[in-house]
Amino acid sequence: MSIDHTARIHPSAVIEDGARIGPGTEIGPFCVIGPQVVLGANVTIKSHVVVTGRTEIGDGTAVFPFTCLGEIPQDLKYGGEDTRLVIGARNRIREHVTMNPGTEGGGGITRVGDDGLFMAGVHVAHDCQLGDRVILVNNVGVAGHVTIGDDVIVGGISGVHQFVRIGRGAIIGGLTKVTKDVVPFGLLDTGAGDLRGLNLVGLRRSGVDRAEIAALRAAYDALAAGEGTFQDRARLLQEGTDSELVRALADFILAETDRNFHTPV
């Protein structure tokens, strides 16, 4: 066990032998920290939290009551293999959130980036890869092997199917069933998930240049109404643009995937 002398631990908390607790970290009442857990500097673990397994939590992350991080995957194929959950810095993980480690068949690691907000009741399943500044609103369920890019927002009570990819900067409306890949900067509507345009508000808030936004809008229109298949249209975009964001959009569509796409309507 390694507990920095500046860490503050409530007397009722259970810290198992082998855990590593960084400087300035605070662990509240009735928490359980497992023997393979590594907590960085200035992490806040509020009351009634369980952190177990080979779980790492980055500096400045706050974990709220009744959260469970690192418990074994909810996957019948999991056979007790030694896998990991790695959570980045400055995340806010609210009440009743669950995040599971990876499985041998999925690469062995679930990874969460920096500066995310995971609201009450969110579930992040095994082998997911989440980028930075991701926001998952209350009661979002993310199935196994999902990839979510930077700056994505998923609205409340939405479900993301296993192996789906959501590109950076996309926004998903509440109560949405996400069963196919979502292109970067896409705006996915509620219900069955219709792609209704671009996340223009998010692009503007991120300070994206107006010329880049105009290029993305033209690219979206070409994807919606151009000739050939969806991938054919993406290849034309990839070959004919100087825009970094349009190229990122085309590269995402042409990358290897296990799912189809939510396409423009």
C-alpha atoms as a PDB file:
ATOM      1  CA  MET A   1       0.000   0.000   0.000  1.00  0.00           C
ATOM      2  CA  SER A   2       1.208   3.527  -0.828  1.00  0.00           C
ATOM      3  CA  ILE A   3      -0.725   6.463   0.615  1.00  0.00           C
ATOM      4  CA  ASP A   4       0.738   9.939   0.223  1.00  0.00           C
ATOM      5  CA  HIS A   5       1.030  11.747   3.536  1.00  0.00           C
ATOM      6  CA  THR A   6      -1.130  14.628   2.234  1.00  0.00           C
ATOM      7  CA  ALA A   7      -4.066  12.368   1.360  1.00  0.00           C
ATOM      8  CA  ARG A   8      -7.172  12.651   3.550  1.00  0.00           C
ATOM      9  CA  ILE A   9      -9.021   9.400   4.257  1.00  0.00           C
ATOM     10  CA  HIS A  10     -12.154   9.056   6.359  1.00  0.00           C
ATOM     11  CA  PRO A  11     -11.800   6.496   9.177  1.00  0.00           C
ATOM     12  CA  SER A  12     -14.712   4.443   7.837  1.00  0.00           C
ATOM     13  CA  ALA A  13     -13.168   4.011   4.375  1.00  0.00           C
ATOM     14  CA  VAL A  14     -11.557   0.663   3.498  1.00  0.00           C
ATOM     15  CA  ILE A  15      -8.257   0.938   1.628  1.00  0.00           C
ATOM     16  CA  GLU A  16      -7.003  -2.535   0.707  1.00  0.00           C
ATOM     17  CA  ASP A  17      -3.328  -3.466   0.784  1.00  0.00           C
ATOM     18  CA  GLY A  18      -1.619  -2.565  -2.489  1.00  0.00           C
ATOM     19  CA  ALA A  19      -3.700   0.518  -3.363  1.00  0.00           C
ATOM     20  CA  ARG A  20      -1.786   3.660  -4.343  1.00  0.00           C
ATOM     21  CA  ILE A  21      -3.235   7.003  -3.242  1.00  0.00           C
ATOM     22  CA  GLY A  22      -1.738  10.217  -4.642  1.00  0.00           C
ATOM     23  CA  PRO A  23      -1.049  13.570  -2.964  1.00  0.00           C
ATOM     24  CA  GLY A  24      -3.982  15.735  -1.977  1.00  0.00           C
ATOM     25  CA  THR A  25      -6.502  12.993  -2.691  1.00  0.00           C
ATOM     26  CA  GLU A  26      -9.564  12.795  -0.449  1.00  0.00           C
ATOM     27  CA  ILE A  27     -11.552   9.609   0.231  1.00  0.00           C
ATOM     28  CA  GLY A  28     -14.861  10.039   2.029  1.00  0.00           C
ATOM     29  CA  PRO A  29     -16.840   7.817   4.389  1.00  0.00           C
ATOM     30  CA  PHE A  30     -17.797   4.214   3.594  1.00  0.00           C
ATOM     31  CA  CYS A  31     -15.729   3.972   0.412  1.00  0.00           C
ATOM     32  CA  VAL A  32     -13.904   0.792  -0.661  1.00  0.00           C
ATOM     33  CA  ILE A  33     -10.668   1.081  -2.639  1.00  0.00           C
ATOM     34  CA  GLY A  34      -9.321  -2.201  -4.032  1.00  0.00           C
ATOM     35  CA  PRO A  35      -5.739  -3.494  -3.873  1.00  0.00           C
ATOM     36  CA  GLN A  36      -4.848  -2.749  -7.524  1.00  0.00           C
ATOM     37  CA  VAL A  37      -6.344   0.744  -7.674  1.00  0.00           C
ATOM     38  CA  VAL A  38      -4.196   3.782  -8.473  1.00  0.00           C
ATOM     39  CA  LEU A  39      -5.583   7.229  -7.631  1.00  0.00           C
ATOM     40  CA  GLY A  40      -3.697  10.271  -8.907  1.00  0.00           C
ATOM     41  CA  ALA A  41      -3.205  13.642  -7.252  1.00  0.00           C
ATOM     42  CA  ASN A  42      -6.128  15.675  -5.888  1.00  0.00           C
ATOM     43  CA  VAL A  43      -8.737  13.033  -6.699  1.00  0.00           C
ATOM     44  CA  THR A  44     -11.973  13.356  -4.720  1.00  0.00           C
ATOM     45  CA  ILE A  45     -13.826  10.156  -3.858  1.00  0.00           C
ATOM     46  CA  LYS A  46     -17.005  11.130  -2.046  1.00  0.00           C
ATOM     47  CA  SER A  47     -18.977   8.786   0.215  1.00  0.00           C
ATOM     48  CA  HIS A  48     -20.155   5.227  -0.580  1.00  0.00           C
ATOM     49  CA  VAL A  49     -17.981   4.743  -3.680  1.00  0.00           C
ATOM     50  CA  VAL A  50     -16.433   1.416  -4.772  1.00  0.00           C
ATOM     51  CA  VAL A  51     -13.277   1.479  -6.901  1.00  0.00           C
ATOM     52  CA  THR A  52     -11.914  -1.983  -7.611  1.00  0.00           C
ATOM     53  CA  GLY A  53      -9.975  -4.053 -10.154  1.00  0.00           C
ATOM     54  CA  ARG A  54      -6.985  -2.661 -12.060  1.00  0.00           C
ATOM     55  CA  THR A  55      -8.413   0.832 -12.146  1.00  0.00           C
ATOM     56  CA  GLU A  56      -6.491   4.073 -12.576  1.00  0.00           C
ATOM     57  CA  ILE A  57      -8.075   7.487 -11.964  1.00  0.00           C
ATOM     58  CA  GLY A  58      -6.294  10.619 -13.169  1.00  0.00           C
ATOM     59  CA  ASP A  59      -5.489  13.819 -11.318  1.00  0.00           C
ATOM     60  CA  GLY A  60      -8.315  16.081 -10.231  1.00  0.00           C
ATOM     61  CA  THR A  61     -11.166  13.695 -11.023  1.00  0.00           C
ATOM     62  CA  ALA A  62     -14.212  13.801  -8.702  1.00  0.00           C
ATOM     63  CA  VAL A  63     -16.329  10.683  -8.091  1.00  0.00           C
ATOM     64  CA  PHE A  64     -19.741  11.128  -6.470  1.00  0.00           C
ATOM     65  CA  PRO A  65     -21.665   8.800  -4.114  1.00  0.00           C
ATOM     66  CA  PHE A  66     -22.860   5.298  -4.995  1.00  0.00           C
ATOM     67  CA  THR A  67     -20.614   4.982  -8.041  1.00  0.00           C
ATOM     68  CA  CYS A  68     -18.884   1.687  -8.892  1.00  0.00           C
ATOM     69  CA  LEU A  69     -15.737   1.758 -11.018  1.00  0.00           C
ATOM     70  CA  GLY A  70     -13.713  -1.241 -12.174  1.00  0.00           C
ATOM     71  CA  GLU A  71     -16.045  -4.095 -11.259  1.00  0.00           C
ATOM     72  CA  ILE A  72     -15.947  -7.095 -13.628  1.00  0.00           C
ATOM     73  CA  PRO A  73     -17.538  -6.657 -17.089  1.00  0.00           C
ATOM     74  CA  GLN A  74     -21.184  -7.500 -17.682  1.00  0.00           C
ATOM     75  CA  ASP A  75     -20.147  -9.904 -20.428  1.00  0.00           C
ATOM     76  CA  LEU A  76     -20.752 -13.664 -20.204  1.00  0.00           C
ATOM     77  CA  LYS A  77     -17.554 -14.252 -22.194  1.00  0.00           C
ATOM     78  CA  TYR A  78     -15.430 -12.651 -19.491  1.00  0.00           C
ATOM     79  CA  GLY A  79     -13.365 -15.370 -17.820  1.00  0.00           C
ATOM     80  CA  GLY A  80     -11.566 -13.498 -15.070  1.00  0.00           C
ATOM     81  CA  GLU A  81      -8.683 -12.281 -17.227  1.00  0.00           C
ATOM     82  CA  ASP A  82      -6.515  -9.432 -15.946  1.00  0.00           C
ATOM     83  CA  THR A  83      -7.892  -6.308 -17.653  1.00  0.00           C
ATOM     84  CA  ARG A  84      -7.959  -2.571 -16.907  1.00  0.00           C
ATOM     85  CA  LEU A  85     -10.051   0.569 -16.574  1.00  0.00           C
ATOM     86  CA  VAL A  86      -8.130   3.811 -17.144  1.00  0.00           C
ATOM     87  CA  ILE A  87      -9.895   7.103 -16.374  1.00  0.00           C
ATOM     88  CA  GLY A  88      -8.203  10.395 -17.243  1.00  0.00           C
ATOM     89  CA  ALA A  89      -7.854  13.694 -15.432  1.00  0.00           C
ATOM     90  CA  ARG A  90     -10.435  16.207 -14.234  1.00  0.00           C
ATOM     91  CA  ASN A  91     -13.495  14.087 -14.940  1.00  0.00           C
ATOM     92  CA  ARG A  92     -16.743  14.535 -13.017  1.00  0.00           C
ATOM     93  CA  ILE A  93     -18.370  11.169 -12.405  1.00  0.00           C
ATOM     94  CA  ARG A  94     -21.751  11.655 -10.809  1.00  0.00           C
ATOM     95  CA  GLU A  95     -23.997   9.446  -8.677  1.00  0.00           C
ATOM     96  CA  HIS A  96     -24.685   5.794  -9.562  1.00  0.00           C
ATOM     97  CA  VAL A  97     -22.304   5.699 -12.542  1.00  0.00           C
ATOM     98  CA  THR A  98     -20.778   2.322 -13.468  1.00  0.00           C
ATOM     99  CA  MET A  99     -17.681   1.808 -15.617  1.00  0.00           C
ATOM    100  CA  ASN A 100     -16.275  -1.662 -16.350  1.00  0.00           C
ATOM    101  CA  PRO A 101     -12.770  -2.760 -17.389  1.00  0.00           C
ATOM    102  CA  GLY A 102     -11.970  -4.418 -20.707  1.00  0.00           C
ATOM    103  CA  THR A 103     -12.049  -8.040 -21.786  1.00  0.00           C
ATOM    104  CA  GLU A 104      -9.415 -10.190 -23.439  1.00  0.00           C
ATOM    105  CA  GLY A 105     -11.445 -10.308 -26.640  1.00  0.00           C
ATOM    106  CA  GLY A 106     -11.795  -6.533 -26.792  1.00  0.00           C
ATOM    107  CA  GLY A 107      -8.223  -5.449 -26.196  1.00  0.00           C
ATOM    108  CA  GLY A 108      -8.185  -5.637 -22.409  1.00  0.00           C
ATOM    109  CA  ILE A 109      -8.736  -1.986 -21.563  1.00  0.00           C
ATOM    110  CA  THR A 110     -11.590   0.471 -21.159  1.00  0.00           C
ATOM    111  CA  ARG A 111     -10.290   4.024 -21.516  1.00  0.00           C
ATOM    112  CA  VAL A 112     -11.922   7.324 -20.570  1.00  0.00           C
ATOM    113  CA  GLY A 113     -10.241  10.581 -21.580  1.00  0.00           C
ATOM    114  CA  ASP A 114      -9.881  13.880 -19.728  1.00  0.00           C
ATOM    115  CA  ASP A 115     -12.385  16.577 -18.691  1.00  0.00           C
ATOM    116  CA  GLY A 116     -15.525  14.497 -19.172  1.00  0.00           C
ATOM    117  CA  LEU A 117     -18.885  14.788 -17.417  1.00  0.00           C
ATOM    118  CA  PHE A 118     -20.756  11.565 -16.706  1.00  0.00           C
ATOM    119  CA  MET A 119     -24.121  12.386 -15.177  1.00  0.00           C
ATOM    120  CA  ALA A 120     -26.146  10.238 -12.789  1.00  0.00           C
ATOM    121  CA  GLY A 121     -26.874   6.665 -13.814  1.00  0.00           C
ATOM    122  CA  VAL A 122     -24.509   6.474 -16.787  1.00  0.00           C
ATOM    123  CA  HIS A 123     -23.053   3.075 -17.721  1.00  0.00           C
ATOM    124  CA  VAL A 124     -19.813   2.657 -19.707  1.00  0.00           C
ATOM    125  CA  ALA A 125     -19.302  -0.996 -20.631  1.00  0.00           C
ATOM    126  CA  HIS A 126     -16.213  -3.098 -21.288  1.00  0.00           C
ATOM    127  CA  ASP A 127     -13.630  -2.167 -23.942  1.00  0.00           C
ATOM    128  CA  CYS A 128     -15.083   1.286 -24.655  1.00  0.00           C
ATOM    129  CA  GLN A 129     -12.744   4.053 -25.782  1.00  0.00           C
ATOM    130  CA  LEU A 130     -13.922   7.555 -24.851  1.00  0.00           C
ATOM    131  CA  GLY A 131     -12.163  10.765 -25.854  1.00  0.00           C
ATOM    132  CA  ASP A 132     -11.730  14.067 -24.057  1.00  0.00           C
ATOM    133  CA  ARG A 133     -14.539  16.426 -22.991  1.00  0.00           C
ATOM    134  CA  VAL A 134     -17.232  13.804 -23.518  1.00  0.00           C
ATOM    135  CA  ILE A 135     -20.601  14.497 -21.870  1.00  0.00           C
ATOM    136  CA  LEU A 136     -22.966  11.600 -21.203  1.00  0.00           C
ATOM    137  CA  VAL A 137     -26.247  12.883 -19.800  1.00  0.00           C
ATOM    138  CA  ASN A 138     -28.327  11.082 -17.155  1.00  0.00           C
ATOM    139  CA  ASN A 139     -28.983   7.356 -17.674  1.00  0.00           C
ATOM    140  CA  VAL A 140     -27.087   6.985 -20.934  1.00  0.00           C
ATOM    141  CA  GLY A 141     -26.086   3.370 -21.570  1.00  0.00           C
ATOM    142  CA  VAL A 142     -22.971   2.711 -23.644  1.00  0.00           C
ATOM    143  CA  ALA A 143     -22.539  -0.935 -24.668  1.00  0.00           C
ATOM    144  CA  GLY A 144     -19.245  -2.767 -25.100  1.00  0.00           C
ATOM    145  CA  HIS A 145     -16.565  -1.905 -27.664  1.00  0.00           C
ATOM    146  CA  VAL A 146     -17.996   1.560 -28.410  1.00  0.00           C
ATOM    147  CA  THR A 147     -15.672   4.376 -29.526  1.00  0.00           C
ATOM    148  CA  ILE A 148     -16.663   7.966 -28.733  1.00  0.00           C
ATOM    149  CA  GLY A 149     -14.551  10.847 -30.034  1.00  0.00           C
ATOM    150  CA  ASP A 150     -13.608  14.121 -28.376  1.00  0.00           C
ATOM    151  CA  ASP A 151     -16.290  16.733 -27.579  1.00  0.00           C
ATOM    152  CA  VAL A 152     -19.259  14.385 -28.050  1.00  0.00           C
ATOM    153  CA  ILE A 153     -22.534  14.947 -26.163  1.00  0.00           C
ATOM    154  CA  VAL A 154     -25.031  12.097 -25.757  1.00  0.00           C
ATOM    155  CA  GLY A 155     -28.476  13.162 -24.525  1.00  0.00           C
ATOM    156  CA  GLY A 156     -30.274  11.588 -21.594  1.00  0.00           C
ATOM    157  CA  ILE A 157     -31.759   8.083 -21.607  1.00  0.00           C
ATOM    158  CA  SER A 158     -30.064   7.246 -24.907  1.00  0.00           C
ATOM    159  CA  GLY A 159     -28.594   3.839 -25.686  1.00  0.00           C
ATOM    160  CA  VAL A 160     -25.488   3.203 -27.796  1.00  0.00           C
ATOM    161  CA  HIS A 161     -25.216  -0.248 -29.422  1.00  0.00           C
ATOM    162  CA  GLN A 162     -22.027  -2.303 -29.107  1.00  0.00           C
ATOM    163  CA  PHE A 163     -19.221  -1.608 -31.616  1.00  0.00           C
ATOM    164  CA  VAL A 164     -20.722   1.745 -32.658  1.00  0.00           C
ATOM    165  CA  ARG A 165     -18.354   4.647 -33.369  1.00  0.00           C
ATOM    166  CA  ILE A 166     -19.407   8.231 -32.653  1.00  0.00           C
ATOM    167  CA  GLY A 167     -17.153  10.774 -34.339  1.00  0.00           C
ATOM    168  CA  ARG A 168     -15.694  13.803 -32.623  1.00  0.00           C
ATOM    169  CA  GLY A 169     -17.939  16.793 -32.064  1.00  0.00           C
ATOM    170  CA  ALA A 170     -21.181  14.881 -32.660  1.00  0.00           C
ATOM    171  CA  ILE A 171     -24.316  15.486 -30.593  1.00  0.00           C
ATOM    172  CA  ILE A 172     -26.998  12.862 -29.895  1.00  0.00           C
ATOM    173  CA  GLY A 173     -30.482  13.945 -28.873  1.00  0.00           C
ATOM    174  CA  GLY A 174     -32.126  12.507 -25.782  1.00  0.00           C
ATOM    175  CA  LEU A 175     -34.073   9.238 -25.950  1.00  0.00           C
ATOM    176  CA  THR A 176     -32.137   8.158 -29.041  1.00  0.00           C
ATOM    177  CA  LYS A 177     -31.311   4.597 -30.095  1.00  0.00           C
ATOM    178  CA  VAL A 178     -27.825   4.710 -31.636  1.00  0.00           C
ATOM    179  CA  THR A 179     -27.351   1.488 -33.599  1.00  0.00           C
ATOM    180  CA  LYS A 180     -25.025   2.719 -36.365  1.00  0.00           C
ATOM    181  CA  ASP A 181     -21.912   4.873 -36.626  1.00  0.00           C
ATOM    182  CA  VAL A 182     -22.385   8.636 -36.293  1.00  0.00           C
ATOM    183  CA  VAL A 183     -20.168  10.851 -38.444  1.00  0.00           C
ATOM    184  CA  PRO A 184     -17.979  13.540 -36.836  1.00  0.00           C
ATOM    185  CA  PHE A 185     -19.877  16.759 -36.062  1.00  0.00           C
ATOM    186  CA  GLY A 186     -23.177  15.011 -36.833  1.00  0.00           C
ATOM    187  CA  LEU A 187     -26.499  15.940 -35.231  1.00  0.00           C
ATOM    188  CA  LEU A 188     -28.530  12.797 -34.502  1.00  0.00           C
ATOM    189  CA  ASP A 189     -32.212  13.334 -33.809  1.00  0.00           C
ATOM    190  CA  THR A 190     -34.383  11.551 -31.274  1.00  0.00           C
ATOM    191  CA  GLY A 191     -36.176   8.247 -31.664  1.00  0.00           C
ATOM    192  CA  ALA A 192     -34.665   5.799 -34.133  1.00  0.00           C
ATOM    193  CA  GLY A 193     -31.791   8.196 -34.787  1.00  0.00           C
ATOM    194  CA  ASP A 194     -32.081  10.302 -37.947  1.00  0.00           C
ATOM    195  CA  LEU A 195     -29.024  12.315 -38.967  1.00  0.00           C
ATOM    196  CA  ARG A 196     -30.513  15.803 -39.282  1.00  0.00           C
ATOM    197  CA  GLY A 197     -27.471  17.952 -39.959  1.00  0.00           C
ATOM    198  CA  LEU A 198     -24.343  19.182 -38.216  1.00  0.00           C
ATOM    199  CA  ASN A 199     -23.702  20.187 -34.632  1.00  0.00           C
ATOM    200  CA  LEU A 200     -23.321  23.842 -35.639  1.00  0.00           C
ATOM    201  CA  VAL A 201     -23.747  25.147 -32.091  1.00  0.00           C
ATOM    202  CA  GLY A 202     -20.937  22.926 -30.858  1.00  0.00           C
ATOM    203  CA  LEU A 203     -18.676  23.939 -33.740  1.00  0.00           C
ATOM    204  CA  ARG A 204     -19.216  27.630 -33.043  1.00  0.00           C
ATOM    205  CA  ARG A 205     -18.712  27.212 -29.317  1.00  0.00           C
ATOM    206  CA  SER A 206     -15.425  25.446 -30.062  1.00  0.00           C
ATOM    207  CA  GLY A 207     -14.220  28.442 -32.041  1.00  0.00           C
ATOM    208  CA  VAL A 208     -14.113  26.671 -35.401  1.00  0.00           C
ATOM    209  CA  ASP A 209     -13.427  29.098 -38.246  1.00  0.00           C
ATOM    210  CA  ARG A 210     -16.475  30.102 -40.306  1.00  0.00           C
ATOM    211  CA  ALA A 211     -14.793  28.956 -43.501  1.00  0.00           C
ATOM    212  CA  GLU A 212     -14.294  25.478 -42.000  1.00  0.00           C
ATOM    213  CA  ILE A 213     -17.937  25.368 -40.924  1.00  0.00           C
ATOM    214  CA  ALA A 214     -18.998  26.355 -44.442  1.00  0.00           C
ATOM    215  CA  ALA A 215     -16.802  23.591 -45.865  1.00  0.00           C
ATOM    216  CA  LEU A 216     -18.358  21.066 -43.498  1.00  0.00           C
ATOM    217  CA  ARG A 217     -21.878  22.158 -44.468  1.00  0.00           C
ATOM    218  CA  ALA A 218     -21.061  21.729 -48.143  1.00  0.00           C
ATOM    219  CA  ALA A 219     -19.549  18.308 -47.394  1.00  0.00           C
ATOM    220  CA  TYR A 220     -22.675  17.259 -45.494  1.00  0.00           C
ATOM    221  CA  ASP A 221     -24.874  18.292 -48.420  1.00  0.00           C
ATOM    222  CA  ALA A 222     -22.661  16.279 -50.777  1.00  0.00           C
ATOM    223  CA  LEU A 223     -22.953  13.228 -48.500  1.00  0.00           C
ATOM    224  CA  ALA A 224     -26.727  13.641 -48.382  1.00  0.00           C
ATOM    225  CA  ALA A 225     -27.439  14.080 -52.079  1.00  0.00           C
ATOM    226  CA  GLY A 226     -24.383  13.117 -54.110  1.00  0.00           C
ATOM    227  CA  GLU A 227     -23.961  10.294 -56.588  1.00  0.00           C
ATOM    228  CA  GLY A 228     -22.962   6.744 -55.652  1.00  0.00           C
ATOM    229  CA  THR A 229     -22.868   5.058 -52.262  1.00  0.00           C
ATOM    230  CA  PHE A 230     -22.238   6.834 -48.977  1.00  0.00           C
ATOM    231  CA  GLN A 231     -18.606   5.633 -49.084  1.00  0.00           C
ATOM    232  CA  ASP A 232     -18.240   6.754 -52.722  1.00  0.00           C
ATOM    233  CA  ARG A 233     -19.287  10.260 -51.738  1.00  0.00           C
ATOM    234  CA  ALA A 234     -16.842  10.220 -48.823  1.00  0.00           C
ATOM    235  CA  ARG A 235     -13.985   9.236 -51.169  1.00  0.00           C
ATOM    236  CA  LEU A 236     -14.770  12.214 -53.395  1.00  0.00           C
ATOM    237  CA  LEU A 237     -14.673  14.480 -50.350  1.00  0.00           C
ATOM    238  CA  GLN A 238     -11.373  12.979 -49.213  1.00  0.00           C
ATOM    239  CA  GLU A 239      -9.768  13.547 -52.605  1.00  0.00           C
ATOM    240  CA  GLY A 240     -11.117  17.029 -53.248  1.00  0.00           C
ATOM    241  CA  THR A 241     -10.774  19.055 -50.052  1.00  0.00           C
ATOM    242  CA  ASP A 242      -8.194  21.213 -48.312  1.00  0.00           C
ATOM    243  CA  SER A 243     -10.284  21.346 -45.133  1.00  0.00           C
ATOM    244  CA  GLU A 244      -8.853  19.441 -42.151  1.00  0.00           C
ATOM    245  CA  LEU A 245     -12.333  18.880 -40.717  1.00  0.00           C
ATOM    246  CA  VAL A 246     -13.822  17.648 -43.986  1.00  0.00           C
ATOM    247  CA  ARG A 247     -10.908  15.266 -44.386  1.00  0.00           C
ATOM    248  CA  ALA A 248     -11.477  14.016 -40.821  1.00  0.00           C
ATOM    249  CA  LEU A 249     -15.148  13.456 -41.689  1.00  0.00           C
ATOM    250  CA  ALA A 250     -14.259  11.483 -44.826  1.00  0.00           C
ATOM    251  CA  ASP A 251     -11.543   9.476 -43.057  1.00  0.00           C
ATOM    252  CA  PHE A 252     -14.029   8.472 -40.358  1.00  0.00           C
ATOM    253  CA  ILE A 253     -16.525   7.199 -42.929  1.00  0.00           C
ATOM    254  CA  LEU A 254     -13.884   5.252 -44.827  1.00  0.00           C
ATOM    255  CA  ALA A 255     -12.259   3.697 -41.754  1.00  0.00           C
ATOM    256  CA  GLU A 256     -12.879   0.059 -40.832  1.00  0.00           C
ATOM    257  CA  THR A 257     -16.077  -0.428 -38.860  1.00  0.00           C
ATOM    258  CA  ASP A 258     -18.373  -3.195 -37.645  1.00  0.00           C
ATOM    259  CA  ARG A 259     -21.514  -1.105 -38.160  1.00  0.00           C
ATOM    260  CA  ASN A 260     -23.365   0.790 -40.892  1.00  0.00           C
ATOM    261  CA  PHE A 261     -23.945   4.551 -40.674  1.00  0.00           C
ATOM    262  CA  HIS A 262     -26.747   6.810 -39.629  1.00  0.00           C
ATOM    263  CA  THR A 263     -26.999   8.737 -42.916  1.00  0.00           C
ATOM    264  CA  PRO A 264     -28.495  12.152 -43.737  1.00  0.00           C
ATOM    265  CA  VAL A 265     -32.230  12.371 -44.297  1.00  0.00           C
END
